[in-house]
Protein backbone atom coordinates (compact mmCIF):
# COMPACT_ATOMS: atom_id res chain seq x y z
CA THR A 1 26.37 12.14 -32.63
CA GLY A 2 27.03 8.56 -33.68
CA LEU A 3 29.47 5.71 -33.21
CA THR A 4 33.15 6.65 -33.07
CA THR A 5 34.37 3.08 -33.66
CA VAL A 6 32.89 0.93 -36.43
CA CYS A 7 33.82 -2.11 -38.50
CA GLN A 8 34.67 -1.79 -42.15
CA GLY A 9 31.68 -2.64 -44.31
CA LEU A 10 29.11 -1.49 -41.73
CA ALA A 11 26.03 -0.29 -43.59
CA ALA A 12 23.40 2.34 -42.79
CA GLU A 13 25.11 3.73 -39.68
CA LEU A 14 23.22 6.82 -38.52
CA TYR A 15 24.84 10.13 -37.53
CA THR A 16 22.80 13.12 -36.39
CA ILE A 17 23.13 16.75 -35.41
CA SER A 18 20.61 18.73 -33.41
CA ALA A 19 18.75 21.35 -35.39
CA ILE A 20 20.72 24.60 -35.59
CA SER A 21 18.95 27.96 -35.21
CA ASN A 22 18.40 29.78 -38.52
CA ALA A 23 19.75 26.86 -40.59
CA THR A 24 17.80 26.11 -43.75
CA ALA A 25 19.98 23.26 -45.01
CA TYR A 26 22.80 20.94 -43.90
CA THR A 27 25.78 19.82 -45.95
CA TRP A 28 27.43 16.53 -44.93
CA GLU A 29 30.88 15.21 -45.97
CA ILE A 30 33.04 12.17 -45.23
CA SER A 31 36.81 12.29 -45.50
CA PRO A 32 38.59 10.50 -47.01
CA ALA A 33 35.95 9.89 -49.64
CA ASP A 34 36.88 6.20 -49.97
CA ALA A 35 35.92 5.61 -46.31
CA GLY A 36 32.32 5.18 -47.37
CA SER A 37 29.28 6.55 -49.11
CA ILE A 38 26.85 8.94 -47.46
CA THR A 39 23.14 9.60 -47.75
CA PRO A 40 22.24 12.92 -46.10
CA ASN A 41 18.74 13.71 -44.90
CA ASN A 42 18.67 17.16 -43.29
CA THR A 43 20.00 16.68 -39.69
CA ASP A 44 20.58 12.95 -40.23
CA LEU A 45 23.23 11.13 -42.21
CA SER A 46 23.36 7.45 -43.16
CA VAL A 47 26.86 6.10 -43.83
CA ASP A 48 27.73 2.88 -45.63
CA PHE A 49 31.35 2.31 -44.61
CA SER A 50 33.56 0.78 -47.30
CA GLY A 51 34.37 -2.91 -47.04
CA THR A 52 37.98 -2.16 -48.01
CA TYR A 53 38.79 1.00 -46.01
CA SER A 54 40.23 1.00 -42.51
CA GLY A 55 41.71 3.87 -40.52
CA GLN A 56 40.27 7.16 -39.38
CA ALA A 57 37.44 8.93 -41.15
CA THR A 58 36.01 12.35 -40.41
CA ILE A 59 32.33 13.11 -40.80
CA THR A 60 31.62 16.84 -41.08
CA VAL A 61 28.40 18.81 -41.24
CA PHE A 62 27.84 22.49 -42.14
CA ALA A 63 24.62 24.40 -41.55
CA THR A 64 23.70 26.92 -44.23
CA ASN A 65 21.14 29.63 -44.94
CA THR A 66 20.87 32.59 -47.30
CA CYS A 67 23.56 34.43 -45.32
CA GLY A 68 26.18 31.71 -45.91
CA VAL A 69 27.80 28.68 -44.36
CA GLY A 70 28.04 28.25 -40.61
CA VAL A 71 30.86 26.75 -38.56
CA SER A 72 31.44 23.05 -39.20
CA ASN A 73 30.94 20.30 -36.68
CA SER A 74 32.93 17.04 -37.01
CA ILE A 75 33.25 13.61 -35.52
CA THR A 76 36.23 11.29 -35.99
CA VAL A 77 35.43 7.64 -36.58
CA ASP A 78 37.90 4.76 -36.26
CA VAL A 79 37.09 2.23 -38.98
CA ILE A 80 38.40 -1.15 -37.81
CA ALA A 81 39.51 -3.72 -40.39
CA TYR A 82 38.47 -7.33 -40.16
CA PRO A 83 41.30 -9.73 -39.32
CA THR A 84 43.16 -11.93 -41.76
CA ALA A 85 44.68 -15.31 -40.94
CA ALA A 86 47.28 -17.43 -42.74
CA ALA A 87 48.31 -20.66 -41.01
CA GLY A 88 51.25 -21.23 -43.38
CA ASP A 89 52.00 -23.84 -45.99
CA ASP A 90 51.46 -27.56 -45.44
CA ALA A 91 54.57 -29.13 -43.92
CA THR A 92 56.21 -32.48 -43.17
CA ILE A 93 58.19 -33.41 -40.06
CA CYS A 94 59.71 -36.56 -38.61
CA GLU A 95 57.94 -38.17 -35.68
CA ASP A 96 60.70 -37.31 -33.21
CA VAL A 97 60.60 -33.50 -33.64
CA THR A 98 58.25 -30.63 -32.88
CA TYR A 99 56.82 -28.21 -35.44
CA THR A 100 57.03 -24.42 -35.17
CA CYS A 101 53.87 -22.93 -36.66
CA GLN A 102 54.26 -20.18 -39.26
CA GLY A 103 51.10 -18.15 -38.57
CA VAL A 104 50.56 -14.66 -39.93
CA ALA A 105 47.61 -12.48 -38.92
CA THR A 106 46.63 -8.84 -39.32
CA ASP A 107 44.14 -6.61 -37.54
CA GLN A 108 43.48 -9.22 -34.87
CA GLN A 109 42.79 -8.94 -31.17
CA SER A 110 44.27 -12.38 -30.56
CA VAL A 111 44.93 -15.74 -32.22
CA LEU A 112 44.28 -19.33 -31.20
CA TRP A 113 45.69 -22.56 -32.67
CA THR A 114 43.70 -25.80 -32.53
CA THR A 115 44.44 -29.29 -33.86
CA SER A 116 42.43 -32.12 -35.36
CA GLY A 117 44.69 -34.45 -33.39
CA ASP A 118 45.54 -34.63 -29.72
CA GLY A 119 49.07 -33.24 -29.72
CA THR A 120 49.88 -30.11 -27.73
CA PHE A 121 50.92 -26.50 -28.33
CA ASP A 122 53.43 -24.79 -26.07
CA ASP A 123 51.35 -21.57 -26.36
CA ALA A 124 48.25 -21.90 -28.54
CA THR A 125 47.84 -18.10 -28.53
CA ALA A 126 51.20 -17.37 -30.20
CA LEU A 127 51.55 -16.92 -33.97
CA ASN A 128 54.62 -19.18 -33.91
CA ALA A 129 53.35 -21.76 -31.44
CA ILE A 130 55.32 -25.00 -31.17
CA TYR A 131 53.28 -28.16 -31.80
CA THR A 132 54.29 -31.51 -30.31
CA PRO A 133 52.60 -34.45 -32.05
CA SER A 134 51.06 -37.16 -29.87
CA ALA A 135 51.43 -40.91 -30.39
CA ASN A 136 47.98 -40.90 -32.05
CA ASP A 137 49.06 -38.07 -34.39
CA ILE A 138 52.15 -40.04 -35.39
CA LEU A 139 50.06 -43.16 -35.97
CA ALA A 140 47.54 -41.21 -38.08
CA GLY A 141 50.34 -39.66 -40.13
CA THR A 142 48.70 -36.24 -40.50
CA VAL A 143 46.95 -33.59 -38.45
CA THR A 144 45.30 -30.33 -39.42
CA LEU A 145 46.47 -27.28 -37.51
CA GLU A 146 43.98 -24.41 -37.58
CA MET A 147 44.63 -20.79 -36.63
CA THR A 148 41.80 -18.38 -35.82
CA ALA A 149 42.42 -14.62 -35.75
CA TYR A 150 39.82 -12.95 -33.56
CA SER A 151 38.48 -9.56 -34.61
CA ILE A 152 38.95 -6.34 -32.70
CA VAL A 153 35.84 -5.18 -30.80
CA PRO A 154 33.27 -4.08 -31.96
CA CYS A 155 33.78 -6.28 -35.04
CA ALA A 156 32.50 -9.84 -34.80
CA ILE A 157 33.79 -11.63 -37.90
CA ASP A 158 36.88 -13.75 -37.24
CA ALA A 159 39.31 -15.20 -39.80
CA THR A 160 40.42 -18.84 -39.89
CA ASP A 161 43.00 -20.74 -41.92
CA ASN A 162 44.55 -24.19 -41.61
CA MET A 163 47.47 -26.26 -42.78
CA VAL A 164 48.16 -30.00 -42.91
CA LEU A 165 51.11 -31.32 -40.94
CA THR A 166 52.37 -34.68 -42.24
CA ILE A 167 54.27 -36.73 -39.67
CA GLN A 168 56.70 -39.28 -41.08
CA SER A 169 57.66 -42.30 -39.01
CA LEU A 170 61.33 -42.91 -38.42
CA PRO A 171 62.85 -45.66 -40.56
CA THR A 172 63.12 -49.13 -39.06
CA ALA A 173 65.35 -52.01 -40.02
CA ASP A 174 65.01 -55.76 -39.54
CA ALA A 175 68.00 -57.90 -40.49
CA GLY A 176 66.02 -61.08 -39.89
CA ALA A 177 66.36 -63.85 -37.33
CA ASP A 178 69.73 -64.90 -35.97
CA ASP A 179 71.27 -67.77 -37.93
CA ALA A 180 74.38 -69.93 -37.85
CA ILE A 181 76.64 -70.86 -40.73
CA CYS A 182 79.68 -73.02 -41.16
């Protein structure tokens, strides 16, 4: 028994098997080996899941005695990766256009864009949301757009990244006051 869905990097997760008749020892294994390290203690097993492995892992236990090895018992564990977030490179736009965000995320349940300004997103939950700067954003000249990638349950560590959007004002011209000449 034990959790069948865990987050990568989870330490000291306990797995157990009920005592088996006539067993004198228990042999525990985790496959693939890079899924984590194990510390067996008779009918209990402590697993430190790797901080870099994600995917399925199988935990197997064999009961043994002087007559040999018994039938194995296994549990499959889904090791969930933590999300990554990349908001994209800093960018520059003119004040009269919108900006299409260039977000990239992996292993996320969802994403959400926020701004340091008061412009708007067409869909703040889309990786490629479209941002429309406000008059205050244009006046300030820059805003920070931040993307958060939310982890998949049961994991609870989210990833965040941001980029700076520079907003250039349109050029203006002033030829001066009207005048008369001969």
